């Protein structure tokens, strides 16, 4: 299926030429026409590079001349930016001369090797041994942390489902607590890490929220679990960041990130994100309905947190 076609016409020695360059999902093709007749065609598969395509031909007006007088023409086709192709037409001369003369450019001054050069450098970096080792380490850490991440997600979904079915946030909170305690018991009999994420911390905060809810007969306190968690975690992070330069939490997060970070910057940034989460949760719980808060808590809060978290990683990374 042809997705797009670039057309680049030019004239040489009284003849009309045109390059048609088009691509599909898997290939790109360059065709050279002379007076409407196809004289050369080249197709390449996408393999992580946009090669500069070269067409070579002998003009029809020179076919009757002697070999030492004929001049071969080269038409090079390539991307001079990420969106558009250009052509360069050169006169190569006869066999006794290696010189070439540029006789036409569709986009004067542009480098048609732009995309090819950029991708070659990029592929070279990707194949560095250091990056291969980093990818292996990331893969190993993902395999190690995947069970605990799944456990966190399951507890969150269970809380949402029970709250939707029963309409009682206190029951939903105790369901989350029960699942969290079950994880602690199961962890004693399995080798995979089920508690490496935030399941235990979340379970503790759910328990606190549920107890407060029963003691004060208010489901609203269950809704404020995110605010409690945000304020408590932010307080711990601020203490570590200010008095310990992020040496405790920063060093531990660095193990999972697989890249060096500025500990103090990262920890204080994480504290700021936690306070933002706490404030947002309080606003949603106070201003919106219980169902709207439940949707926010389950489906919006975590993606929003991850966006802010990855921005922080980018800003806190050591060059």
C-alpha atoms as a PDB file:
ATOM      1  CA  UNK A   1       0.000   0.000   0.000  1.00  0.00           C
ATOM      2  CA  UNK A   2       1.564   3.273  -1.139  1.00  0.00           C
ATOM      3  CA  UNK A   3       1.321   5.918   1.604  1.00  0.00           C
ATOM      4  CA  UNK A   4       2.948   8.952  -0.009  1.00  0.00           C
ATOM      5  CA  UNK A   5       4.809   9.894  -3.195  1.00  0.00           C
ATOM      6  CA  UNK A   6       7.407  12.618  -3.700  1.00  0.00           C
ATOM      7  CA  UNK A   7       7.967  13.864  -7.279  1.00  0.00           C
ATOM      8  CA  UNK A   8      11.187  15.623  -8.268  1.00  0.00           C
ATOM      9  CA  UNK A   9      11.393  16.634 -11.990  1.00  0.00           C
ATOM     10  CA  UNK A  10      14.508  17.963 -13.750  1.00  0.00           C
ATOM     11  CA  UNK A  11      15.843  18.435 -17.261  1.00  0.00           C
ATOM     12  CA  UNK A  12      19.127  17.315 -18.783  1.00  0.00           C
ATOM     13  CA  UNK A  13      20.439  17.513 -22.317  1.00  0.00           C
ATOM     14  CA  UNK A  14      17.008  18.267 -23.759  1.00  0.00           C
ATOM     15  CA  UNK A  15      15.240  15.372 -22.014  1.00  0.00           C
ATOM     16  CA  UNK A  16      12.626  15.554 -19.242  1.00  0.00           C
ATOM     17  CA  UNK A  17      13.420  13.434 -16.195  1.00  0.00           C
ATOM     18  CA  UNK A  18      11.427  12.793 -13.040  1.00  0.00           C
ATOM     19  CA  UNK A  19      12.162  10.966  -9.800  1.00  0.00           C
ATOM     20  CA  UNK A  20       9.214   9.379  -8.010  1.00  0.00           C
ATOM     21  CA  UNK A  21       9.969   8.369  -4.436  1.00  0.00           C
ATOM     22  CA  UNK A  22       7.256   6.601  -2.469  1.00  0.00           C
ATOM     23  CA  UNK A  23       6.959   4.452   0.625  1.00  0.00           C
ATOM     24  CA  UNK A  24       4.654   1.912   2.249  1.00  0.00           C
ATOM     25  CA  UNK A  25       4.602   0.505   5.774  1.00  0.00           C
ATOM     26  CA  UNK A  26       7.583  -1.775   5.120  1.00  0.00           C
ATOM     27  CA  UNK A  27       9.469  -0.492   2.044  1.00  0.00           C
ATOM     28  CA  UNK A  28      10.530   2.639   0.193  1.00  0.00           C
ATOM     29  CA  UNK A  29      11.029   2.832  -3.572  1.00  0.00           C
ATOM     30  CA  UNK A  30      12.698   5.314  -5.918  1.00  0.00           C
ATOM     31  CA  UNK A  31      11.929   5.369  -9.646  1.00  0.00           C
ATOM     32  CA  UNK A  32      13.673   7.372 -12.373  1.00  0.00           C
ATOM     33  CA  UNK A  33      11.729   8.281 -15.534  1.00  0.00           C
ATOM     34  CA  UNK A  34      13.047   9.739 -18.796  1.00  0.00           C
ATOM     35  CA  UNK A  35      10.386  11.334 -21.024  1.00  0.00           C
ATOM     36  CA  UNK A  36       7.755   9.280 -19.189  1.00  0.00           C
ATOM     37  CA  UNK A  37       9.615   5.960 -19.560  1.00  0.00           C
ATOM     38  CA  UNK A  38      10.915   4.105 -16.486  1.00  0.00           C
ATOM     39  CA  UNK A  39      14.696   3.737 -16.779  1.00  0.00           C
ATOM     40  CA  UNK A  40      15.654   2.644 -13.247  1.00  0.00           C
ATOM     41  CA  UNK A  41      13.958   1.493 -10.035  1.00  0.00           C
ATOM     42  CA  UNK A  42      15.297   0.635  -6.566  1.00  0.00           C
ATOM     43  CA  UNK A  43      13.386  -0.716  -3.541  1.00  0.00           C
ATOM     44  CA  UNK A  44      14.656  -1.068   0.037  1.00  0.00           C
ATOM     45  CA  UNK A  45      13.155  -2.566   3.186  1.00  0.00           C
ATOM     46  CA  UNK A  46      12.921  -0.414   6.304  1.00  0.00           C
ATOM     47  CA  UNK A  47      15.754  -1.706   8.479  1.00  0.00           C
ATOM     48  CA  UNK A  48      16.386   1.173  10.843  1.00  0.00           C
ATOM     49  CA  UNK A  49      17.884   3.404   8.155  1.00  0.00           C
ATOM     50  CA  UNK A  50      16.896   5.606   5.206  1.00  0.00           C
ATOM     51  CA  UNK A  51      19.590   4.897   2.648  1.00  0.00           C
ATOM     52  CA  UNK A  52      20.370   7.506   0.012  1.00  0.00           C
ATOM     53  CA  UNK A  53      19.196   5.899  -3.241  1.00  0.00           C
ATOM     54  CA  UNK A  54      21.424   6.348  -6.287  1.00  0.00           C
ATOM     55  CA  UNK A  55      20.352   5.963  -9.908  1.00  0.00           C
ATOM     56  CA  UNK A  56      23.013   5.809 -12.630  1.00  0.00           C
ATOM     57  CA  UNK A  57      22.252   6.023 -16.324  1.00  0.00           C
ATOM     58  CA  UNK A  58      23.656   7.103 -19.675  1.00  0.00           C
ATOM     59  CA  UNK A  59      21.612   9.803 -21.449  1.00  0.00           C
ATOM     60  CA  UNK A  60      19.937   8.564 -24.642  1.00  0.00           C
ATOM     61  CA  UNK A  61      21.505  11.408 -26.639  1.00  0.00           C
ATOM     62  CA  UNK A  62      24.993  10.017 -25.925  1.00  0.00           C
ATOM     63  CA  UNK A  63      24.425   6.368 -26.773  1.00  0.00           C
ATOM     64  CA  UNK A  64      25.874   6.796 -30.277  1.00  0.00           C
ATOM     65  CA  UNK A  65      29.023   8.567 -29.088  1.00  0.00           C
ATOM     66  CA  UNK A  66      32.353   6.833 -28.502  1.00  0.00           C
ATOM     67  CA  UNK A  67      33.112   5.485 -25.014  1.00  0.00           C
ATOM     68  CA  UNK A  68      35.650   8.203 -24.213  1.00  0.00           C
ATOM     69  CA  UNK A  69      33.084  10.914 -24.870  1.00  0.00           C
ATOM     70  CA  UNK A  70      30.036   9.555 -23.004  1.00  0.00           C
ATOM     71  CA  UNK A  71      29.271  10.870 -19.536  1.00  0.00           C
ATOM     72  CA  UNK A  72      27.342   8.873 -16.953  1.00  0.00           C
ATOM     73  CA  UNK A  73      24.694  10.651 -14.901  1.00  0.00           C
ATOM     74  CA  UNK A  74      24.072   9.941 -11.207  1.00  0.00           C
ATOM     75  CA  UNK A  75      20.825  10.907  -9.457  1.00  0.00           C
ATOM     76  CA  UNK A  76      20.933  10.653  -5.647  1.00  0.00           C
ATOM     77  CA  UNK A  77      17.687  10.706  -3.645  1.00  0.00           C
ATOM     78  CA  UNK A  78      17.561  11.184   0.119  1.00  0.00           C
ATOM     79  CA  UNK A  79      15.918  12.941   3.059  1.00  0.00           C
ATOM     80  CA  UNK A  80      17.294  16.414   3.844  1.00  0.00           C
ATOM     81  CA  UNK A  81      15.013  16.577   6.910  1.00  0.00           C
ATOM     82  CA  UNK A  82      12.684  14.109   8.607  1.00  0.00           C
ATOM     83  CA  UNK A  83       9.766  14.837   6.270  1.00  0.00           C
ATOM     84  CA  UNK A  84      10.933  15.646   2.725  1.00  0.00           C
ATOM     85  CA  UNK A  85      13.295  14.155   0.131  1.00  0.00           C
ATOM     86  CA  UNK A  86      15.530  16.012  -2.270  1.00  0.00           C
ATOM     87  CA  UNK A  87      17.641  14.993  -5.263  1.00  0.00           C
ATOM     88  CA  UNK A  88      21.120  15.788  -6.522  1.00  0.00           C
ATOM     89  CA  UNK A  89      22.079  15.218 -10.161  1.00  0.00           C
ATOM     90  CA  UNK A  90      25.761  14.815 -11.003  1.00  0.00           C
ATOM     91  CA  UNK A  91      27.665  14.329 -14.219  1.00  0.00           C
ATOM     92  CA  UNK A  92      30.270  11.655 -13.527  1.00  0.00           C
ATOM     93  CA  UNK A  93      32.405  12.017 -16.651  1.00  0.00           C
ATOM     94  CA  UNK A  94      34.014   9.264 -18.695  1.00  0.00           C
ATOM     95  CA  UNK A  95      35.906   6.211 -17.481  1.00  0.00           C
ATOM     96  CA  UNK A  96      39.290   7.984 -17.641  1.00  0.00           C
ATOM     97  CA  UNK A  97      38.115  10.659 -15.165  1.00  0.00           C
ATOM     98  CA  UNK A  98      36.903  10.182 -11.601  1.00  0.00           C
ATOM     99  CA  UNK A  99      35.681  13.776 -11.242  1.00  0.00           C
ATOM    100  CA  UNK A 100      32.000  14.631 -10.931  1.00  0.00           C
ATOM    101  CA  UNK A 101      30.102  17.858 -11.503  1.00  0.00           C
ATOM    102  CA  UNK A 102      26.930  18.851  -9.723  1.00  0.00           C
ATOM    103  CA  UNK A 103      24.466  19.990 -12.361  1.00  0.00           C
ATOM    104  CA  UNK A 104      21.175  20.154 -10.429  1.00  0.00           C
ATOM    105  CA  UNK A 105      19.775  20.206  -6.876  1.00  0.00           C
ATOM    106  CA  UNK A 106      16.079  20.167  -6.068  1.00  0.00           C
ATOM    107  CA  UNK A 107      16.816  21.929  -2.756  1.00  0.00           C
ATOM    108  CA  UNK A 108      20.107  23.860  -3.062  1.00  0.00           C
ATOM    109  CA  UNK A 109      22.304  23.785   0.014  1.00  0.00           C
ATOM    110  CA  UNK A 110      20.396  20.948   1.712  1.00  0.00           C
ATOM    111  CA  UNK A 111      22.132  17.732   2.774  1.00  0.00           C
ATOM    112  CA  UNK A 112      20.253  14.732   1.360  1.00  0.00           C
ATOM    113  CA  UNK A 113      22.295  12.484   3.677  1.00  0.00           C
ATOM    114  CA  UNK A 114      20.699  14.126   6.734  1.00  0.00           C
ATOM    115  CA  UNK A 115      18.376  11.276   7.793  1.00  0.00           C
ATOM    116  CA  UNK A 116      20.847   8.554   6.875  1.00  0.00           C
ATOM    117  CA  UNK A 117      23.619  10.169   8.947  1.00  0.00           C
ATOM    118  CA  UNK A 118      21.381  10.803  11.958  1.00  0.00           C
ATOM    119  CA  UNK A 119      20.017   7.258  12.013  1.00  0.00           C
ATOM    120  CA  UNK A 120      23.480   5.767  11.572  1.00  0.00           C
ATOM    121  CA  UNK A 121      24.723   7.647  14.654  1.00  0.00           C
ATOM    122  CA  UNK A 122      21.597   6.652  16.586  1.00  0.00           C
ATOM    123  CA  UNK A 123      21.984   2.960  15.696  1.00  0.00           C
ATOM    124  CA  UNK A 124      25.646   3.098  16.664  1.00  0.00           C
ATOM    125  CA  UNK A 125      24.703   4.391  20.124  1.00  0.00           C
ATOM    126  CA  UNK A 126      22.026   1.713  20.515  1.00  0.00           C
ATOM    127  CA  UNK A 127      24.585  -1.009  19.854  1.00  0.00           C
ATOM    128  CA  UNK A 128      27.061   0.180  22.478  1.00  0.00           C
ATOM    129  CA  UNK A 129      27.933  -2.553  25.036  1.00  0.00           C
ATOM    130  CA  UNK A 130      26.958  -0.208  27.893  1.00  0.00           C
ATOM    131  CA  UNK A 131      23.423   0.149  26.538  1.00  0.00           C
ATOM    132  CA  UNK A 132      23.120  -3.600  25.973  1.00  0.00           C
ATOM    133  CA  UNK A 133      24.065  -4.181  29.609  1.00  0.00           C
ATOM    134  CA  UNK A 134      21.603  -1.505  30.720  1.00  0.00           C
ATOM    135  CA  UNK A 135      18.776  -3.099  28.736  1.00  0.00           C
ATOM    136  CA  UNK A 136      19.576  -6.495  30.270  1.00  0.00           C
ATOM    137  CA  UNK A 137      19.565  -4.967  33.749  1.00  0.00           C
ATOM    138  CA  UNK A 138      16.232  -3.242  33.106  1.00  0.00           C
ATOM    139  CA  UNK A 139      14.756  -6.510  31.845  1.00  0.00           C
ATOM    140  CA  UNK A 140      15.952  -8.368  34.931  1.00  0.00           C
ATOM    141  CA  UNK A 141      14.575  -5.675  37.265  1.00  0.00           C
ATOM    142  CA  UNK A 142      11.219  -5.708  35.460  1.00  0.00           C
ATOM    143  CA  UNK A 143      10.965  -9.489  35.908  1.00  0.00           C
ATOM    144  CA  UNK A 144      11.840  -9.056  39.569  1.00  0.00           C
ATOM    145  CA  UNK A 145       9.402  -6.196  40.245  1.00  0.00           C
ATOM    146  CA  UNK A 146       6.510  -7.344  38.037  1.00  0.00           C
ATOM    147  CA  UNK A 147       4.781  -9.511  40.718  1.00  0.00           C
ATOM    148  CA  UNK A 148       4.727  -6.663  43.266  1.00  0.00           C
ATOM    149  CA  UNK A 149       3.386  -4.205  40.654  1.00  0.00           C
ATOM    150  CA  UNK A 150       0.630  -6.662  39.731  1.00  0.00           C
ATOM    151  CA  UNK A 151      -0.182  -7.072  43.444  1.00  0.00           C
ATOM    152  CA  UNK A 152      -0.568  -3.284  43.787  1.00  0.00           C
ATOM    153  CA  UNK A 153      -2.896  -3.170  40.769  1.00  0.00           C
ATOM    154  CA  UNK A 154      -5.021  -6.087  42.010  1.00  0.00           C
ATOM    155  CA  UNK A 155      -5.571  -4.433  45.400  1.00  0.00           C
ATOM    156  CA  UNK A 156      -6.534  -1.167  43.702  1.00  0.00           C
ATOM    157  CA  UNK A 157      -9.004  -2.868  41.359  1.00  0.00           C
ATOM    158  CA  UNK A 158     -10.489  -4.867  44.235  1.00  0.00           C
ATOM    159  CA  UNK A 159     -11.027  -1.667  46.228  1.00  0.00           C
ATOM    160  CA  UNK A 160     -12.749  -0.055  43.234  1.00  0.00           C
ATOM    161  CA  UNK A 161     -14.938  -3.101  42.481  1.00  0.00           C
ATOM    162  CA  UNK A 162     -16.112  -3.607  46.075  1.00  0.00           C
ATOM    163  CA  UNK A 163     -16.846   0.096  46.479  1.00  0.00           C
ATOM    164  CA  UNK A 164     -18.899   0.092  43.264  1.00  0.00           C
ATOM    165  CA  UNK A 165     -20.864  -3.045  44.151  1.00  0.00           C
ATOM    166  CA  UNK A 166     -21.537  -2.316  47.840  1.00  0.00           C
ATOM    167  CA  UNK A 167     -21.501   1.469  47.777  1.00  0.00           C
ATOM    168  CA  UNK A 168     -19.626   1.344  51.093  1.00  0.00           C
ATOM    169  CA  UNK A 169     -16.059   2.695  51.122  1.00  0.00           C
ATOM    170  CA  UNK A 170     -15.396   1.269  54.590  1.00  0.00           C
ATOM    171  CA  UNK A 171     -16.074  -2.288  53.375  1.00  0.00           C
ATOM    172  CA  UNK A 172     -13.926  -1.595  50.331  1.00  0.00           C
ATOM    173  CA  UNK A 173     -11.101  -0.352  52.572  1.00  0.00           C
ATOM    174  CA  UNK A 174     -11.222  -3.484  54.754  1.00  0.00           C
ATOM    175  CA  UNK A 175     -11.244  -5.614  51.592  1.00  0.00           C
ATOM    176  CA  UNK A 176      -8.022  -3.915  50.531  1.00  0.00           C
ATOM    177  CA  UNK A 177      -6.576  -4.441  54.016  1.00  0.00           C
ATOM    178  CA  UNK A 178      -7.498  -8.146  53.911  1.00  0.00           C
ATOM    179  CA  UNK A 179      -5.809  -8.589  50.538  1.00  0.00           C
ATOM    180  CA  UNK A 180      -2.742  -6.749  51.797  1.00  0.00           C
ATOM    181  CA  UNK A 181      -2.490  -9.005  54.846  1.00  0.00           C
ATOM    182  CA  UNK A 182      -3.007 -12.028  52.605  1.00  0.00           C
ATOM    183  CA  UNK A 183      -0.023 -10.902  50.526  1.00  0.00           C
ATOM    184  CA  UNK A 184       2.132 -10.772  53.665  1.00  0.00           C
ATOM    185  CA  UNK A 185       1.151 -14.372  54.493  1.00  0.00           C
ATOM    186  CA  UNK A 186       1.605 -15.651  50.942  1.00  0.00           C
ATOM    187  CA  UNK A 187       5.021 -13.963  50.758  1.00  0.00           C
ATOM    188  CA  UNK A 188       6.301 -16.377  53.423  1.00  0.00           C
ATOM    189  CA  UNK A 189       5.704 -19.328  51.082  1.00  0.00           C
ATOM    190  CA  UNK A 190       6.823 -17.979  47.698  1.00  0.00           C
ATOM    191  CA  UNK A 191      10.175 -16.777  46.396  1.00  0.00           C
ATOM    192  CA  UNK A 192       8.931 -13.942  44.177  1.00  0.00           C
ATOM    193  CA  UNK A 193       8.720 -10.477  45.733  1.00  0.00           C
ATOM    194  CA  UNK A 194       5.066  -9.523  46.290  1.00  0.00           C
ATOM    195  CA  UNK A 195       5.677  -6.699  48.738  1.00  0.00           C
ATOM    196  CA  UNK A 196       8.301  -4.638  46.911  1.00  0.00           C
ATOM    197  CA  UNK A 197       5.831  -2.088  45.616  1.00  0.00           C
ATOM    198  CA  UNK A 198       3.475   0.116  47.598  1.00  0.00           C
ATOM    199  CA  UNK A 199       1.039  -2.652  48.574  1.00  0.00           C
ATOM    200  CA  UNK A 200       2.089  -2.736  52.233  1.00  0.00           C
ATOM    201  CA  UNK A 201       2.143   1.050  52.613  1.00  0.00           C
ATOM    202  CA  UNK A 202      -1.215   1.323  50.845  1.00  0.00           C
ATOM    203  CA  UNK A 203      -2.667  -1.394  53.055  1.00  0.00           C
ATOM    204  CA  UNK A 204      -1.550   0.441  56.199  1.00  0.00           C
ATOM    205  CA  UNK A 205      -3.119   3.678  54.981  1.00  0.00           C
ATOM    206  CA  UNK A 206      -6.347   1.879  54.053  1.00  0.00           C
ATOM    207  CA  UNK A 207      -6.451   0.387  57.548  1.00  0.00           C
ATOM    208  CA  UNK A 208      -5.951   3.818  59.157  1.00  0.00           C
ATOM    209  CA  UNK A 209      -8.652   5.312  56.923  1.00  0.00           C
ATOM    210  CA  UNK A 210     -11.084   2.475  57.688  1.00  0.00           C
ATOM    211  CA  UNK A 211     -10.520   2.757  61.469  1.00  0.00           C
ATOM    212  CA  UNK A 212     -11.043   6.519  61.308  1.00  0.00           C
ATOM    213  CA  UNK A 213     -14.177   5.947  59.241  1.00  0.00           C
ATOM    214  CA  UNK A 214     -15.653   3.583  61.835  1.00  0.00           C
ATOM    215  CA  UNK A 215     -14.551   5.704  64.804  1.00  0.00           C
ATOM    216  CA  UNK A 216     -16.018   8.902  63.397  1.00  0.00           C
ATOM    217  CA  UNK A 217     -18.785   7.290  61.290  1.00  0.00           C
ATOM    218  CA  UNK A 218     -17.570   9.008  58.117  1.00  0.00           C
ATOM    219  CA  UNK A 219     -16.747   7.396  54.778  1.00  0.00           C
ATOM    220  CA  UNK A 220     -15.258  10.740  53.817  1.00  0.00           C
ATOM    221  CA  UNK A 221     -12.113   9.764  55.768  1.00  0.00           C
ATOM    222  CA  UNK A 222     -11.669   6.742  53.507  1.00  0.00           C
ATOM    223  CA  UNK A 223     -11.699   9.112  50.552  1.00  0.00           C
ATOM    224  CA  UNK A 224      -8.915  11.075  52.201  1.00  0.00           C
ATOM    225  CA  UNK A 225      -6.561   8.089  52.263  1.00  0.00           C
ATOM    226  CA  UNK A 226      -4.660   9.554  49.302  1.00  0.00           C
ATOM    227  CA  UNK A 227      -4.297  12.837  51.170  1.00  0.00           C
ATOM    228  CA  UNK A 228      -3.039  11.040  54.298  1.00  0.00           C
ATOM    229  CA  UNK A 229      -0.549   9.006  52.250  1.00  0.00           C
ATOM    230  CA  UNK A 230       0.640  12.076  50.368  1.00  0.00           C
ATOM    231  CA  UNK A 231       1.241  14.186  53.477  1.00  0.00           C
ATOM    232  CA  UNK A 232       2.923  11.373  55.433  1.00  0.00           C
ATOM    233  CA  UNK A 233       5.200  10.313  52.555  1.00  0.00           C
ATOM    234  CA  UNK A 234       6.019  13.946  51.707  1.00  0.00           C
ATOM    235  CA  UNK A 235       6.986  14.595  55.331  1.00  0.00           C
ATOM    236  CA  UNK A 236       9.349  11.613  55.365  1.00  0.00           C
ATOM    237  CA  UNK A 237      10.860  12.625  52.020  1.00  0.00           C
ATOM    238  CA  UNK A 238      11.363  16.254  53.093  1.00  0.00           C
ATOM    239  CA  UNK A 239      13.145  15.165  56.274  1.00  0.00           C
ATOM    240  CA  UNK A 240      15.424  12.868  54.272  1.00  0.00           C
ATOM    241  CA  UNK A 241      16.020  15.470  51.575  1.00  0.00           C
ATOM    242  CA  UNK A 242      16.783  18.391  53.893  1.00  0.00           C
ATOM    243  CA  UNK A 243      18.710  16.671  56.696  1.00  0.00           C
ATOM    244  CA  UNK A 244      20.224  13.687  54.848  1.00  0.00           C
ATOM    245  CA  UNK A 245      20.498  15.119  51.297  1.00  0.00           C
ATOM    246  CA  UNK A 246      18.249  12.324  50.049  1.00  0.00           C
ATOM    247  CA  UNK A 247      20.720   9.649  51.073  1.00  0.00           C
ATOM    248  CA  UNK A 248      18.080   7.166  52.259  1.00  0.00           C
ATOM    249  CA  UNK A 249      15.198   7.285  49.786  1.00  0.00           C
ATOM    250  CA  UNK A 250      17.290   8.572  46.865  1.00  0.00           C
ATOM    251  CA  UNK A 251      19.756   5.698  47.055  1.00  0.00           C
ATOM    252  CA  UNK A 252      16.945   3.133  47.205  1.00  0.00           C
ATOM    253  CA  UNK A 253      15.008   4.571  44.278  1.00  0.00           C
ATOM    254  CA  UNK A 254      18.241   4.687  42.272  1.00  0.00           C
ATOM    255  CA  UNK A 255      18.436   0.883  42.374  1.00  0.00           C
ATOM    256  CA  UNK A 256      15.168   0.618  40.465  1.00  0.00           C
ATOM    257  CA  UNK A 257      15.896   3.413  37.986  1.00  0.00           C
ATOM    258  CA  UNK A 258      19.105   1.823  36.609  1.00  0.00           C
ATOM    259  CA  UNK A 259      20.691   5.267  36.175  1.00  0.00           C
ATOM    260  CA  UNK A 260      22.377   7.759  38.528  1.00  0.00           C
ATOM    261  CA  UNK A 261      20.239  10.560  39.963  1.00  0.00           C
ATOM    262  CA  UNK A 262      20.807  13.623  42.126  1.00  0.00           C
ATOM    263  CA  UNK A 263      19.520  12.253  45.434  1.00  0.00           C
ATOM    264  CA  UNK A 264      18.513  15.501  47.124  1.00  0.00           C
ATOM    265  CA  UNK A 265      16.872  16.938  43.992  1.00  0.00           C
ATOM    266  CA  UNK A 266      14.983  13.704  43.351  1.00  0.00           C
ATOM    267  CA  UNK A 267      13.747  13.208  46.919  1.00  0.00           C
ATOM    268  CA  UNK A 268      12.564  16.805  47.336  1.00  0.00           C
ATOM    269  CA  UNK A 269      10.922  16.636  43.909  1.00  0.00           C
ATOM    270  CA  UNK A 270       9.138  13.457  44.947  1.00  0.00           C
ATOM    271  CA  UNK A 271       7.983  15.182  48.129  1.00  0.00           C
ATOM    272  CA  UNK A 272       6.526  18.006  46.011  1.00  0.00           C
ATOM    273  CA  UNK A 273       4.693  15.452  43.826  1.00  0.00           C
ATOM    274  CA  UNK A 274       3.299  13.745  46.958  1.00  0.00           C
ATOM    275  CA  UNK A 275       1.982  17.066  48.243  1.00  0.00           C
ATOM    276  CA  UNK A 276       0.390  17.743  44.848  1.00  0.00           C
ATOM    277  CA  UNK A 277      -1.293  14.327  44.983  1.00  0.00           C
ATOM    278  CA  UNK A 278      -2.525  15.026  48.510  1.00  0.00           C
ATOM    279  CA  UNK A 279      -3.967  18.389  47.491  1.00  0.00           C
ATOM    280  CA  UNK A 280      -5.622  17.017  44.341  1.00  0.00           C
ATOM    281  CA  UNK A 281      -7.162  14.118  46.247  1.00  0.00           C
ATOM    282  CA  UNK A 282      -8.521  16.480  48.901  1.00  0.00           C
ATOM    283  CA  UNK A 283      -9.997  18.767  46.234  1.00  0.00           C
ATOM    284  CA  UNK A 284     -11.660  15.889  44.359  1.00  0.00           C
ATOM    285  CA  UNK A 285     -12.990  14.312  47.572  1.00  0.00           C
ATOM    286  CA  UNK A 286     -14.336  17.652  48.782  1.00  0.00           C
ATOM    287  CA  UNK A 287     -15.803  19.032  45.568  1.00  0.00           C
ATOM    288  CA  UNK A 288     -17.014  15.973  43.618  1.00  0.00           C
ATOM    289  CA  UNK A 289     -19.298  13.023  44.329  1.00  0.00           C
ATOM    290  CA  UNK A 290     -18.168   9.749  45.838  1.00  0.00           C
ATOM    291  CA  UNK A 291     -18.447   7.944  42.469  1.00  0.00           C
ATOM    292  CA  UNK A 292     -16.424  10.650  40.748  1.00  0.00           C
ATOM    293  CA  UNK A 293     -13.760  10.433  43.452  1.00  0.00           C
ATOM    294  CA  UNK A 294     -13.659   6.643  43.081  1.00  0.00           C
ATOM    295  CA  UNK A 295     -13.058   6.975  39.323  1.00  0.00           C
ATOM    296  CA  UNK A 296     -10.317   9.554  39.931  1.00  0.00           C
ATOM    297  CA  UNK A 297      -8.679   7.421  42.623  1.00  0.00           C
ATOM    298  CA  UNK A 298      -8.618   4.274  40.466  1.00  0.00           C
ATOM    299  CA  UNK A 299      -8.021   5.480  36.911  1.00  0.00           C
ATOM    300  CA  UNK A 300      -6.681   9.048  36.931  1.00  0.00           C
ATOM    301  CA  UNK A 301      -4.452   9.536  39.963  1.00  0.00           C
ATOM    302  CA  UNK A 302      -1.865   6.867  39.116  1.00  0.00           C
ATOM    303  CA  UNK A 303      -1.330   7.842  35.430  1.00  0.00           C
ATOM    304  CA  UNK A 304      -1.030  11.484  36.510  1.00  0.00           C
ATOM    305  CA  UNK A 305       1.502  10.513  39.153  1.00  0.00           C
ATOM    306  CA  UNK A 306       3.539   8.489  36.661  1.00  0.00           C
ATOM    307  CA  UNK A 307       3.740  11.424  34.242  1.00  0.00           C
ATOM    308  CA  UNK A 308       5.086  13.686  36.989  1.00  0.00           C
ATOM    309  CA  UNK A 309       7.390  10.918  38.237  1.00  0.00           C
ATOM    310  CA  UNK A 310       9.034  10.332  34.842  1.00  0.00           C
ATOM    311  CA  UNK A 311       9.491  14.085  34.336  1.00  0.00           C
ATOM    312  CA  UNK A 312      11.239  14.163  37.719  1.00  0.00           C
ATOM    313  CA  UNK A 313      13.522  11.263  36.720  1.00  0.00           C
ATOM    314  CA  UNK A 314      14.463  13.142  33.552  1.00  0.00           C
ATOM    315  CA  UNK A 315      15.211  16.360  35.447  1.00  0.00           C
ATOM    316  CA  UNK A 316      17.058  14.659  38.330  1.00  0.00           C
ATOM    317  CA  UNK A 317      19.282  12.470  36.142  1.00  0.00           C
ATOM    318  CA  UNK A 318      23.016  13.010  36.319  1.00  0.00           C
ATOM    319  CA  UNK A 319      24.670  13.952  33.027  1.00  0.00           C
END
